[in-house]
N, C-alpha and C. Protein backbone atom coordinates (compact mmCIF):
# COMPACT_ATOMS: atom_id res chain seq x y z
N MET A 1 7.59 13.74 -15.01
CA MET A 1 8.52 13.05 -14.14
C MET A 1 7.99 13.09 -12.70
N TRP A 2 8.08 11.97 -12.02
CA TRP A 2 7.61 11.84 -10.65
C TRP A 2 8.76 12.08 -9.68
N THR A 3 8.49 12.85 -8.63
CA THR A 3 9.45 13.09 -7.56
C THR A 3 8.68 13.10 -6.25
N ALA A 4 9.41 13.15 -5.15
CA ALA A 4 8.76 13.23 -3.84
C ALA A 4 9.61 14.08 -2.92
N GLN A 5 8.94 14.88 -2.11
CA GLN A 5 9.61 15.64 -1.06
C GLN A 5 9.45 14.84 0.23
N ARG A 6 10.57 14.61 0.91
CA ARG A 6 10.57 13.80 2.12
C ARG A 6 10.80 14.68 3.33
N THR A 7 9.99 14.46 4.37
CA THR A 7 10.11 15.19 5.63
C THR A 7 10.18 14.17 6.76
N GLU A 8 11.08 14.40 7.71
CA GLU A 8 11.19 13.49 8.85
C GLU A 8 10.08 13.75 9.85
N LEU A 9 9.54 12.68 10.41
CA LEU A 9 8.56 12.72 11.49
C LEU A 9 9.17 12.05 12.72
N ALA A 10 8.52 12.20 13.84
CA ALA A 10 9.03 11.57 15.07
C ALA A 10 9.11 10.05 14.93
N THR A 11 8.15 9.45 14.22
CA THR A 11 8.10 7.99 14.12
C THR A 11 8.26 7.46 12.70
N GLY A 12 8.65 8.32 11.77
CA GLY A 12 8.78 7.86 10.40
C GLY A 12 9.11 8.98 9.45
N LEU A 13 8.58 8.86 8.23
CA LEU A 13 8.84 9.83 7.17
C LEU A 13 7.54 10.18 6.46
N HIS A 14 7.43 11.43 6.04
CA HIS A 14 6.28 11.90 5.25
C HIS A 14 6.78 12.17 3.84
N PHE A 15 5.99 11.76 2.85
CA PHE A 15 6.33 11.99 1.44
C PHE A 15 5.19 12.74 0.76
N ALA A 16 5.53 13.82 0.07
CA ALA A 16 4.59 14.56 -0.77
C ALA A 16 5.00 14.29 -2.21
N VAL A 17 4.12 13.66 -2.95
CA VAL A 17 4.43 13.24 -4.32
C VAL A 17 4.18 14.38 -5.29
N GLN A 18 5.10 14.54 -6.24
CA GLN A 18 4.97 15.58 -7.26
C GLN A 18 5.09 14.97 -8.65
N ARG A 19 4.40 15.61 -9.57
CA ARG A 19 4.50 15.22 -10.98
C ARG A 19 4.86 16.47 -11.77
N ASP A 20 5.97 16.42 -12.47
CA ASP A 20 6.45 17.57 -13.24
C ASP A 20 6.52 18.82 -12.38
N ASP A 21 7.07 18.67 -11.18
CA ASP A 21 7.30 19.77 -10.23
C ASP A 21 6.03 20.40 -9.68
N HIS A 22 4.88 19.73 -9.81
CA HIS A 22 3.63 20.21 -9.21
C HIS A 22 3.10 19.11 -8.29
N PRO A 23 2.43 19.49 -7.20
CA PRO A 23 1.86 18.46 -6.33
C PRO A 23 0.93 17.53 -7.12
N ALA A 24 1.14 16.24 -6.98
CA ALA A 24 0.29 15.25 -7.64
C ALA A 24 -0.98 15.05 -6.82
N THR A 25 -2.08 14.82 -7.49
CA THR A 25 -3.35 14.58 -6.80
C THR A 25 -3.56 13.08 -6.63
N PHE A 26 -4.51 12.75 -5.75
CA PHE A 26 -4.90 11.34 -5.61
C PHE A 26 -5.34 10.79 -6.97
N ALA A 27 -6.13 11.57 -7.72
CA ALA A 27 -6.63 11.11 -9.01
C ALA A 27 -5.47 10.74 -9.94
N GLU A 28 -4.45 11.59 -9.99
CA GLU A 28 -3.30 11.31 -10.85
C GLU A 28 -2.56 10.06 -10.41
N VAL A 29 -2.36 9.92 -9.11
CA VAL A 29 -1.62 8.77 -8.60
C VAL A 29 -2.41 7.49 -8.79
N LEU A 30 -3.71 7.51 -8.51
CA LEU A 30 -4.52 6.30 -8.68
C LEU A 30 -4.58 5.90 -10.15
N HIS A 31 -4.65 6.87 -11.04
CA HIS A 31 -4.63 6.57 -12.48
C HIS A 31 -3.27 5.97 -12.86
N ALA A 32 -2.20 6.56 -12.35
CA ALA A 32 -0.85 6.06 -12.66
C ALA A 32 -0.64 4.65 -12.11
N LEU A 33 -1.19 4.36 -10.94
CA LEU A 33 -1.08 3.00 -10.41
C LEU A 33 -1.69 1.99 -11.37
N ARG A 34 -2.82 2.35 -11.96
CA ARG A 34 -3.50 1.43 -12.87
C ARG A 34 -2.82 1.33 -14.24
N THR A 35 -2.22 2.42 -14.71
CA THR A 35 -1.85 2.47 -16.13
C THR A 35 -0.38 2.71 -16.44
N ASP A 36 0.43 3.07 -15.47
CA ASP A 36 1.78 3.55 -15.75
C ASP A 36 2.85 2.69 -15.07
N THR A 37 3.45 1.80 -15.85
CA THR A 37 4.49 0.93 -15.31
C THR A 37 5.66 1.74 -14.75
N GLU A 38 6.00 2.82 -15.42
CA GLU A 38 7.11 3.66 -14.97
C GLU A 38 6.82 4.25 -13.58
N PHE A 39 5.59 4.71 -13.36
CA PHE A 39 5.23 5.24 -12.05
C PHE A 39 5.31 4.15 -10.99
N ARG A 40 4.77 2.98 -11.29
CA ARG A 40 4.79 1.90 -10.31
C ARG A 40 6.22 1.53 -9.94
N SER A 41 7.10 1.51 -10.92
CA SER A 41 8.52 1.22 -10.66
C SER A 41 9.14 2.32 -9.81
N TRP A 42 8.81 3.57 -10.11
CA TRP A 42 9.33 4.71 -9.33
C TRP A 42 8.86 4.62 -7.87
N LEU A 43 7.56 4.36 -7.66
CA LEU A 43 7.03 4.27 -6.30
C LEU A 43 7.70 3.14 -5.54
N ASN A 44 7.84 2.01 -6.19
CA ASN A 44 8.48 0.87 -5.55
C ASN A 44 9.92 1.21 -5.14
N ALA A 45 10.67 1.85 -6.04
CA ALA A 45 12.06 2.23 -5.73
C ALA A 45 12.11 3.24 -4.59
N LEU A 46 11.18 4.18 -4.58
CA LEU A 46 11.12 5.18 -3.50
C LEU A 46 10.94 4.49 -2.15
N LEU A 47 10.02 3.54 -2.10
CA LEU A 47 9.78 2.82 -0.84
C LEU A 47 10.95 1.90 -0.48
N ALA A 48 11.58 1.30 -1.47
CA ALA A 48 12.71 0.41 -1.20
C ALA A 48 13.88 1.16 -0.56
N GLU A 49 13.98 2.45 -0.83
CA GLU A 49 15.07 3.26 -0.28
C GLU A 49 14.81 3.78 1.13
N VAL A 50 13.62 3.55 1.67
CA VAL A 50 13.31 4.01 3.03
C VAL A 50 14.29 3.34 3.99
N PRO A 51 14.89 4.11 4.92
CA PRO A 51 15.96 3.57 5.76
C PRO A 51 15.49 2.79 7.00
N PHE A 52 14.34 2.14 6.93
CA PHE A 52 13.85 1.32 8.04
C PHE A 52 13.84 -0.13 7.58
N THR A 53 14.19 -1.05 8.47
CA THR A 53 14.17 -2.47 8.09
C THR A 53 12.75 -2.95 7.82
N ALA A 54 11.79 -2.40 8.54
CA ALA A 54 10.37 -2.71 8.32
C ALA A 54 9.58 -1.43 8.58
N PHE A 55 8.50 -1.26 7.84
CA PHE A 55 7.67 -0.07 8.06
C PHE A 55 6.24 -0.33 7.63
N ARG A 56 5.37 0.55 8.09
CA ARG A 56 3.97 0.58 7.67
C ARG A 56 3.82 1.74 6.70
N TRP A 57 2.87 1.64 5.79
CA TRP A 57 2.61 2.67 4.77
C TRP A 57 1.17 3.12 4.93
N GLU A 58 0.95 4.43 5.05
CA GLU A 58 -0.39 4.96 5.26
C GLU A 58 -0.62 6.20 4.40
N THR A 59 -1.84 6.32 3.87
CA THR A 59 -2.24 7.50 3.11
C THR A 59 -3.44 8.13 3.81
N PRO A 60 -3.74 9.40 3.52
CA PRO A 60 -4.96 10.00 4.05
C PRO A 60 -6.18 9.33 3.43
N ALA A 61 -7.32 9.49 4.08
CA ALA A 61 -8.58 8.98 3.52
C ALA A 61 -8.91 9.74 2.24
N VAL A 62 -9.62 9.07 1.35
CA VAL A 62 -10.03 9.68 0.09
C VAL A 62 -11.43 9.19 -0.28
N THR A 63 -12.19 10.04 -0.95
CA THR A 63 -13.50 9.68 -1.51
C THR A 63 -13.49 10.04 -2.99
N SER A 64 -14.55 9.70 -3.68
CA SER A 64 -14.62 10.04 -5.10
C SER A 64 -14.66 11.55 -5.32
N THR A 65 -15.08 12.31 -4.32
CA THR A 65 -15.14 13.77 -4.46
C THR A 65 -13.89 14.48 -3.94
N THR A 66 -12.96 13.73 -3.34
CA THR A 66 -11.74 14.37 -2.81
C THR A 66 -10.48 13.90 -3.53
N THR A 67 -10.63 13.27 -4.68
CA THR A 67 -9.44 12.78 -5.40
C THR A 67 -8.59 13.92 -5.96
N GLY A 68 -9.09 15.15 -5.89
CA GLY A 68 -8.31 16.30 -6.31
C GLY A 68 -7.33 16.78 -5.25
N GLN A 69 -7.42 16.19 -4.05
CA GLN A 69 -6.48 16.59 -2.99
C GLN A 69 -5.09 16.06 -3.30
N VAL A 70 -4.10 16.71 -2.73
CA VAL A 70 -2.70 16.34 -2.94
C VAL A 70 -2.45 14.93 -2.39
N PHE A 71 -1.73 14.12 -3.16
CA PHE A 71 -1.39 12.78 -2.71
C PHE A 71 -0.14 12.83 -1.86
N GLU A 72 -0.24 12.26 -0.70
CA GLU A 72 0.88 12.18 0.23
C GLU A 72 0.76 10.86 0.97
N PHE A 73 1.83 10.48 1.64
CA PHE A 73 1.77 9.28 2.47
C PHE A 73 2.87 9.35 3.52
N VAL A 74 2.74 8.50 4.52
CA VAL A 74 3.78 8.35 5.53
C VAL A 74 4.23 6.90 5.54
N VAL A 75 5.48 6.71 5.94
CA VAL A 75 5.97 5.39 6.30
C VAL A 75 6.37 5.49 7.77
N LEU A 76 5.91 4.52 8.54
CA LEU A 76 6.16 4.52 9.98
C LEU A 76 7.08 3.37 10.33
N ASP A 77 8.16 3.68 11.00
CA ASP A 77 9.12 2.67 11.41
C ASP A 77 8.40 1.60 12.23
N ALA A 78 8.57 0.33 11.85
CA ALA A 78 7.84 -0.75 12.51
C ALA A 78 8.72 -1.99 12.64
N PRO A 79 9.75 -1.92 13.49
CA PRO A 79 10.65 -3.07 13.62
C PRO A 79 9.94 -4.33 14.14
N HIS A 80 8.79 -4.15 14.80
CA HIS A 80 8.04 -5.31 15.30
C HIS A 80 7.51 -6.20 14.17
N LEU A 81 7.51 -5.69 12.94
CA LEU A 81 7.05 -6.49 11.80
C LEU A 81 8.13 -7.44 11.29
N MET A 82 9.34 -7.34 11.83
CA MET A 82 10.44 -8.22 11.43
C MET A 82 10.27 -9.57 12.13
N ARG A 83 9.46 -10.41 11.52
CA ARG A 83 9.24 -11.75 12.06
C ARG A 83 9.03 -12.70 10.88
N ARG A 84 8.94 -13.96 11.19
CA ARG A 84 8.82 -14.97 10.13
C ARG A 84 7.47 -14.82 9.42
N PRO A 85 7.47 -14.60 8.11
CA PRO A 85 6.21 -14.50 7.36
C PRO A 85 5.46 -15.83 7.36
N LYS A 86 4.13 -15.73 7.46
CA LYS A 86 3.29 -16.92 7.46
C LYS A 86 2.11 -16.70 6.52
N PRO A 87 2.05 -17.46 5.44
CA PRO A 87 0.95 -17.29 4.49
C PRO A 87 -0.35 -17.96 4.93
N ASP A 88 -0.35 -18.61 6.09
CA ASP A 88 -1.50 -19.41 6.53
C ASP A 88 -2.83 -18.65 6.47
N ALA A 89 -2.84 -17.39 6.88
CA ALA A 89 -4.09 -16.64 6.94
C ALA A 89 -4.75 -16.51 5.57
N PHE A 90 -3.97 -16.57 4.51
CA PHE A 90 -4.51 -16.39 3.16
C PHE A 90 -4.40 -17.66 2.32
N GLU A 91 -4.04 -18.76 2.94
CA GLU A 91 -3.79 -20.02 2.23
C GLU A 91 -4.97 -20.45 1.36
N GLU A 92 -6.18 -20.30 1.84
CA GLU A 92 -7.36 -20.70 1.07
C GLU A 92 -7.44 -19.92 -0.25
N HIS A 93 -7.17 -18.63 -0.19
CA HIS A 93 -7.20 -17.80 -1.41
C HIS A 93 -6.08 -18.21 -2.36
N PHE A 94 -4.89 -18.46 -1.82
CA PHE A 94 -3.77 -18.86 -2.66
C PHE A 94 -4.06 -20.19 -3.36
N ARG A 95 -4.67 -21.11 -2.65
CA ARG A 95 -4.96 -22.44 -3.20
C ARG A 95 -5.92 -22.37 -4.39
N HIS A 96 -6.87 -21.43 -4.32
CA HIS A 96 -7.86 -21.30 -5.39
C HIS A 96 -7.32 -20.56 -6.61
N SER A 97 -6.16 -19.94 -6.49
CA SER A 97 -5.55 -19.20 -7.61
C SER A 97 -4.06 -19.52 -7.68
N PRO A 98 -3.73 -20.78 -8.01
CA PRO A 98 -2.33 -21.22 -7.91
C PRO A 98 -1.36 -20.52 -8.85
N ASN A 99 -1.84 -19.89 -9.91
CA ASN A 99 -0.93 -19.24 -10.86
C ASN A 99 -0.91 -17.72 -10.74
N ALA A 100 -1.61 -17.18 -9.76
CA ALA A 100 -1.70 -15.73 -9.61
C ALA A 100 -0.47 -15.17 -8.90
N GLU A 101 -0.12 -13.93 -9.25
CA GLU A 101 0.94 -13.22 -8.54
C GLU A 101 0.37 -12.42 -7.38
N VAL A 102 -0.83 -11.88 -7.58
CA VAL A 102 -1.47 -11.00 -6.60
C VAL A 102 -2.97 -11.28 -6.61
N LEU A 103 -3.58 -11.22 -5.44
CA LEU A 103 -5.03 -11.39 -5.32
C LEU A 103 -5.62 -10.21 -4.56
N ASP A 104 -6.93 -9.99 -4.74
CA ASP A 104 -7.64 -9.08 -3.85
C ASP A 104 -8.96 -9.73 -3.46
N PHE A 105 -9.34 -9.50 -2.21
CA PHE A 105 -10.55 -10.11 -1.67
C PHE A 105 -10.94 -9.37 -0.39
N PRO A 106 -12.20 -9.52 0.05
CA PRO A 106 -12.62 -8.86 1.29
C PRO A 106 -11.97 -9.52 2.51
N ASN A 107 -11.75 -8.71 3.54
CA ASN A 107 -11.26 -9.29 4.79
C ASN A 107 -12.41 -10.06 5.46
N LEU A 108 -12.13 -10.72 6.57
CA LEU A 108 -13.13 -11.57 7.21
C LEU A 108 -14.37 -10.81 7.65
N SER A 109 -14.20 -9.59 8.14
CA SER A 109 -15.36 -8.82 8.60
C SER A 109 -16.05 -8.05 7.48
N GLY A 110 -15.46 -8.04 6.29
CA GLY A 110 -16.09 -7.41 5.14
C GLY A 110 -15.99 -5.89 5.09
N ASP A 111 -15.20 -5.29 5.98
CA ASP A 111 -15.10 -3.83 5.98
C ASP A 111 -13.84 -3.32 5.29
N ALA A 112 -13.11 -4.22 4.64
CA ALA A 112 -11.90 -3.82 3.91
C ALA A 112 -11.68 -4.78 2.74
N ILE A 113 -11.01 -4.28 1.72
CA ILE A 113 -10.50 -5.12 0.63
C ILE A 113 -9.01 -5.26 0.88
N LEU A 114 -8.50 -6.46 0.75
CA LEU A 114 -7.08 -6.73 0.92
C LEU A 114 -6.46 -7.05 -0.43
N VAL A 115 -5.34 -6.45 -0.73
CA VAL A 115 -4.56 -6.78 -1.93
C VAL A 115 -3.32 -7.50 -1.42
N VAL A 116 -3.16 -8.76 -1.84
CA VAL A 116 -2.18 -9.64 -1.21
C VAL A 116 -1.30 -10.31 -2.27
N PRO A 117 0.02 -10.26 -2.09
CA PRO A 117 0.90 -10.99 -3.01
C PRO A 117 0.88 -12.49 -2.70
N CYS A 118 0.89 -13.30 -3.73
CA CYS A 118 0.93 -14.75 -3.57
C CYS A 118 2.38 -15.20 -3.35
N PRO A 119 2.56 -16.33 -2.68
CA PRO A 119 3.92 -16.81 -2.40
C PRO A 119 4.57 -17.45 -3.63
N ILE A 120 5.31 -16.65 -4.40
CA ILE A 120 5.97 -17.19 -5.59
C ILE A 120 7.49 -17.19 -5.48
N THR A 121 8.02 -16.66 -4.38
CA THR A 121 9.46 -16.69 -4.14
C THR A 121 9.67 -16.97 -2.65
N GLU A 122 10.84 -16.70 -2.14
CA GLU A 122 11.13 -16.96 -0.73
C GLU A 122 10.15 -16.24 0.18
N PRO A 123 9.64 -16.90 1.22
CA PRO A 123 8.69 -16.26 2.14
C PRO A 123 9.19 -14.96 2.75
N SER A 124 10.50 -14.81 2.89
CA SER A 124 11.05 -13.59 3.51
C SER A 124 10.70 -12.33 2.73
N ALA A 125 10.26 -12.46 1.49
CA ALA A 125 9.89 -11.29 0.67
C ALA A 125 8.49 -10.77 0.98
N TYR A 126 7.76 -11.45 1.87
CA TYR A 126 6.34 -11.13 2.03
C TYR A 126 5.91 -10.72 3.43
N GLY A 127 6.82 -10.58 4.35
CA GLY A 127 6.44 -10.28 5.73
C GLY A 127 5.83 -8.91 5.94
N HIS A 128 6.23 -7.93 5.14
CA HIS A 128 5.76 -6.55 5.29
C HIS A 128 6.13 -5.80 4.03
N ILE A 129 5.64 -4.59 3.89
CA ILE A 129 5.83 -3.83 2.66
C ILE A 129 7.32 -3.57 2.36
N ALA A 130 8.13 -3.34 3.38
CA ALA A 130 9.56 -3.08 3.14
C ALA A 130 10.23 -4.30 2.52
N ALA A 131 9.96 -5.47 3.06
CA ALA A 131 10.55 -6.70 2.51
C ALA A 131 10.07 -6.92 1.08
N PHE A 132 8.81 -6.65 0.83
CA PHE A 132 8.24 -6.87 -0.50
C PHE A 132 8.88 -5.96 -1.55
N VAL A 133 8.94 -4.66 -1.27
CA VAL A 133 9.47 -3.73 -2.29
C VAL A 133 10.96 -3.95 -2.54
N ARG A 134 11.63 -4.59 -1.61
CA ARG A 134 13.07 -4.84 -1.77
C ARG A 134 13.38 -6.22 -2.36
N ASN A 135 12.52 -7.20 -2.11
CA ASN A 135 12.89 -8.58 -2.41
C ASN A 135 11.96 -9.37 -3.31
N ALA A 136 10.75 -8.93 -3.52
CA ALA A 136 9.82 -9.68 -4.37
C ALA A 136 10.23 -9.53 -5.84
N PRO A 137 9.84 -10.47 -6.68
CA PRO A 137 10.15 -10.34 -8.11
C PRO A 137 9.55 -9.06 -8.69
N GLU A 138 10.26 -8.46 -9.64
CA GLU A 138 9.82 -7.18 -10.21
C GLU A 138 8.41 -7.26 -10.79
N SER A 139 8.10 -8.33 -11.48
CA SER A 139 6.77 -8.45 -12.08
C SER A 139 5.68 -8.50 -11.02
N GLN A 140 5.98 -9.11 -9.88
CA GLN A 140 5.00 -9.19 -8.81
C GLN A 140 4.83 -7.84 -8.12
N ARG A 141 5.91 -7.11 -7.95
CA ARG A 141 5.80 -5.76 -7.37
C ARG A 141 4.93 -4.89 -8.27
N ASP A 142 5.17 -4.96 -9.56
CA ASP A 142 4.36 -4.18 -10.51
C ASP A 142 2.90 -4.61 -10.45
N ALA A 143 2.66 -5.91 -10.40
CA ALA A 143 1.29 -6.42 -10.35
C ALA A 143 0.56 -5.98 -9.09
N LEU A 144 1.27 -5.95 -7.97
CA LEU A 144 0.63 -5.51 -6.72
C LEU A 144 0.16 -4.07 -6.82
N TRP A 145 1.04 -3.17 -7.26
CA TRP A 145 0.66 -1.76 -7.34
C TRP A 145 -0.45 -1.54 -8.36
N ALA A 146 -0.41 -2.27 -9.48
CA ALA A 146 -1.48 -2.14 -10.48
C ALA A 146 -2.81 -2.62 -9.89
N ARG A 147 -2.77 -3.70 -9.12
CA ARG A 147 -4.00 -4.22 -8.50
C ARG A 147 -4.51 -3.26 -7.44
N VAL A 148 -3.62 -2.60 -6.71
CA VAL A 148 -4.05 -1.59 -5.74
C VAL A 148 -4.79 -0.47 -6.46
N GLY A 149 -4.24 0.01 -7.57
CA GLY A 149 -4.90 1.06 -8.34
C GLY A 149 -6.26 0.64 -8.84
N LYS A 150 -6.37 -0.57 -9.35
CA LYS A 150 -7.64 -1.09 -9.85
C LYS A 150 -8.66 -1.23 -8.71
N ALA A 151 -8.22 -1.79 -7.60
CA ALA A 151 -9.12 -1.98 -6.46
C ALA A 151 -9.60 -0.64 -5.91
N MET A 152 -8.71 0.35 -5.87
CA MET A 152 -9.13 1.68 -5.41
C MET A 152 -10.15 2.29 -6.36
N ALA A 153 -9.96 2.14 -7.66
CA ALA A 153 -10.91 2.68 -8.63
C ALA A 153 -12.29 2.06 -8.43
N GLN A 154 -12.33 0.78 -8.11
CA GLN A 154 -13.60 0.09 -7.89
C GLN A 154 -14.22 0.46 -6.55
N ARG A 155 -13.40 0.75 -5.56
CA ARG A 155 -13.88 0.99 -4.20
C ARG A 155 -14.30 2.43 -3.96
N LEU A 156 -13.71 3.38 -4.66
CA LEU A 156 -13.99 4.79 -4.39
C LEU A 156 -15.46 5.12 -4.60
N GLY A 157 -15.99 5.87 -3.63
CA GLY A 157 -17.37 6.33 -3.68
C GLY A 157 -17.51 7.49 -2.71
N THR A 158 -18.70 7.65 -2.15
CA THR A 158 -18.93 8.77 -1.23
C THR A 158 -18.36 8.51 0.16
N ALA A 159 -18.18 7.25 0.51
CA ALA A 159 -17.60 6.92 1.83
C ALA A 159 -16.08 6.95 1.73
N PRO A 160 -15.40 7.40 2.79
CA PRO A 160 -13.94 7.45 2.76
C PRO A 160 -13.31 6.06 2.67
N VAL A 161 -12.16 6.00 2.01
CA VAL A 161 -11.35 4.79 1.94
C VAL A 161 -9.97 5.14 2.47
N TRP A 162 -9.48 4.33 3.40
CA TRP A 162 -8.13 4.49 3.93
C TRP A 162 -7.25 3.42 3.30
N LEU A 163 -6.21 3.84 2.59
CA LEU A 163 -5.30 2.94 1.88
C LEU A 163 -4.01 2.83 2.69
N SER A 164 -3.65 1.60 3.08
CA SER A 164 -2.51 1.46 3.98
C SER A 164 -2.02 0.01 4.03
N THR A 165 -0.94 -0.18 4.77
CA THR A 165 -0.52 -1.51 5.22
C THR A 165 -0.40 -1.43 6.73
N ALA A 166 -0.59 -2.55 7.39
CA ALA A 166 -0.39 -2.61 8.85
C ALA A 166 0.46 -3.84 9.12
N GLY A 167 -0.17 -4.98 9.41
CA GLY A 167 0.58 -6.22 9.50
C GLY A 167 0.87 -6.76 10.87
N ALA A 168 0.45 -6.07 11.93
CA ALA A 168 0.75 -6.58 13.27
C ALA A 168 0.02 -7.90 13.54
N GLY A 169 -1.17 -8.07 12.98
CA GLY A 169 -1.96 -9.27 13.25
C GLY A 169 -1.62 -10.45 12.36
N VAL A 170 -1.33 -10.18 11.10
CA VAL A 170 -1.04 -11.24 10.12
C VAL A 170 0.33 -10.98 9.52
N PRO A 171 1.29 -11.88 9.73
CA PRO A 171 2.65 -11.66 9.22
C PRO A 171 2.79 -12.02 7.74
N TRP A 172 1.99 -11.37 6.90
CA TRP A 172 2.07 -11.51 5.44
C TRP A 172 1.56 -10.20 4.88
N LEU A 173 2.29 -9.59 3.96
CA LEU A 173 1.89 -8.30 3.41
C LEU A 173 0.46 -8.34 2.89
N HIS A 174 -0.32 -7.36 3.29
CA HIS A 174 -1.63 -7.13 2.70
C HIS A 174 -1.89 -5.63 2.70
N VAL A 175 -2.13 -5.09 1.51
CA VAL A 175 -2.49 -3.69 1.38
C VAL A 175 -3.97 -3.60 1.68
N ARG A 176 -4.33 -2.66 2.55
CA ARG A 176 -5.71 -2.54 3.02
C ARG A 176 -6.41 -1.36 2.36
N LEU A 177 -7.61 -1.58 1.85
CA LEU A 177 -8.52 -0.53 1.41
C LEU A 177 -9.67 -0.58 2.39
N ASP A 178 -9.60 0.25 3.41
CA ASP A 178 -10.42 0.10 4.61
C ASP A 178 -11.52 1.15 4.71
N ASN A 179 -12.62 0.76 5.38
CA ASN A 179 -13.72 1.69 5.67
C ASN A 179 -13.39 2.63 6.82
N SER A 180 -12.36 2.31 7.58
CA SER A 180 -11.98 3.13 8.74
C SER A 180 -10.46 3.04 8.92
N PRO A 181 -9.90 3.98 9.68
CA PRO A 181 -8.45 3.95 9.92
C PRO A 181 -8.11 3.01 11.08
N LYS A 182 -8.64 1.81 11.01
CA LYS A 182 -8.59 0.84 12.09
C LYS A 182 -7.21 0.67 12.71
N TYR A 183 -6.19 0.56 11.89
CA TYR A 183 -4.85 0.28 12.40
C TYR A 183 -3.88 1.44 12.18
N TYR A 184 -4.39 2.63 11.91
CA TYR A 184 -3.52 3.76 11.57
C TYR A 184 -2.69 4.22 12.75
N GLY A 185 -1.42 4.47 12.49
CA GLY A 185 -0.53 5.00 13.50
C GLY A 185 -0.32 6.51 13.39
N HIS A 186 -0.54 7.07 12.19
CA HIS A 186 -0.31 8.50 11.96
C HIS A 186 -1.62 9.24 12.24
N ALA A 187 -1.71 9.88 13.40
CA ALA A 187 -2.95 10.50 13.86
C ALA A 187 -3.60 11.46 12.86
N PRO A 188 -2.85 12.33 12.17
CA PRO A 188 -3.51 13.25 11.23
C PRO A 188 -4.27 12.54 10.11
N TYR A 189 -3.90 11.33 9.78
CA TYR A 189 -4.57 10.60 8.70
C TYR A 189 -5.80 9.83 9.18
N ARG A 190 -6.08 9.85 10.45
CA ARG A 190 -7.27 9.14 10.95
C ARG A 190 -8.56 9.88 10.65
N ARG A 191 -8.45 11.16 10.31
CA ARG A 191 -9.64 11.96 10.01
C ARG A 191 -10.21 11.57 8.65
N PRO A 192 -11.56 11.62 8.51
CA PRO A 192 -12.16 11.35 7.20
C PRO A 192 -11.75 12.40 6.17
N ALA A 193 -11.87 12.03 4.91
CA ALA A 193 -11.54 12.95 3.81
C ALA A 193 -12.48 14.13 3.81
N LYS A 194 -11.95 15.31 3.45
CA LYS A 194 -12.78 16.52 3.40
C LYS A 194 -12.81 17.06 1.99
């Protein structure tokens, strides 16, 4: 059974994920993202209950040799993300995959992989992670988390990967698998994995 311990921060909330009353590791969570519908549903519900209208989601950096570390994440209150969603930045990708629920592709500079939901319902469901976990169709929410798990499995190596959402630049949800903590707000997570 999956649970989480929640701690308040000055700018958000910290979550420590547990499995069967023991701290869950990155390896366990990444495996569950790929293979466990029940876990993906639990994670989505946990995020949907966060008491912020909009937020950013950030995890510590991880490498293939540090997946044994405890999995934790923060959500940072981000009311500035409450704006009209615009799929324009990803329109080319959406056009090439008209029947997809979720896509992943490199960002423009090539230093990150983006996992992006396609516009299959009202645009208001896609402005940021909070809107998505609360309003996107259930199958699409599940597909996004499964694709994040798959993309992380492919991306993990000796270099750190920072898994997060930001959204200040592009008003459409995109989960980032980044080479650096480029847009991180939680200072302790900016350090490379150890």
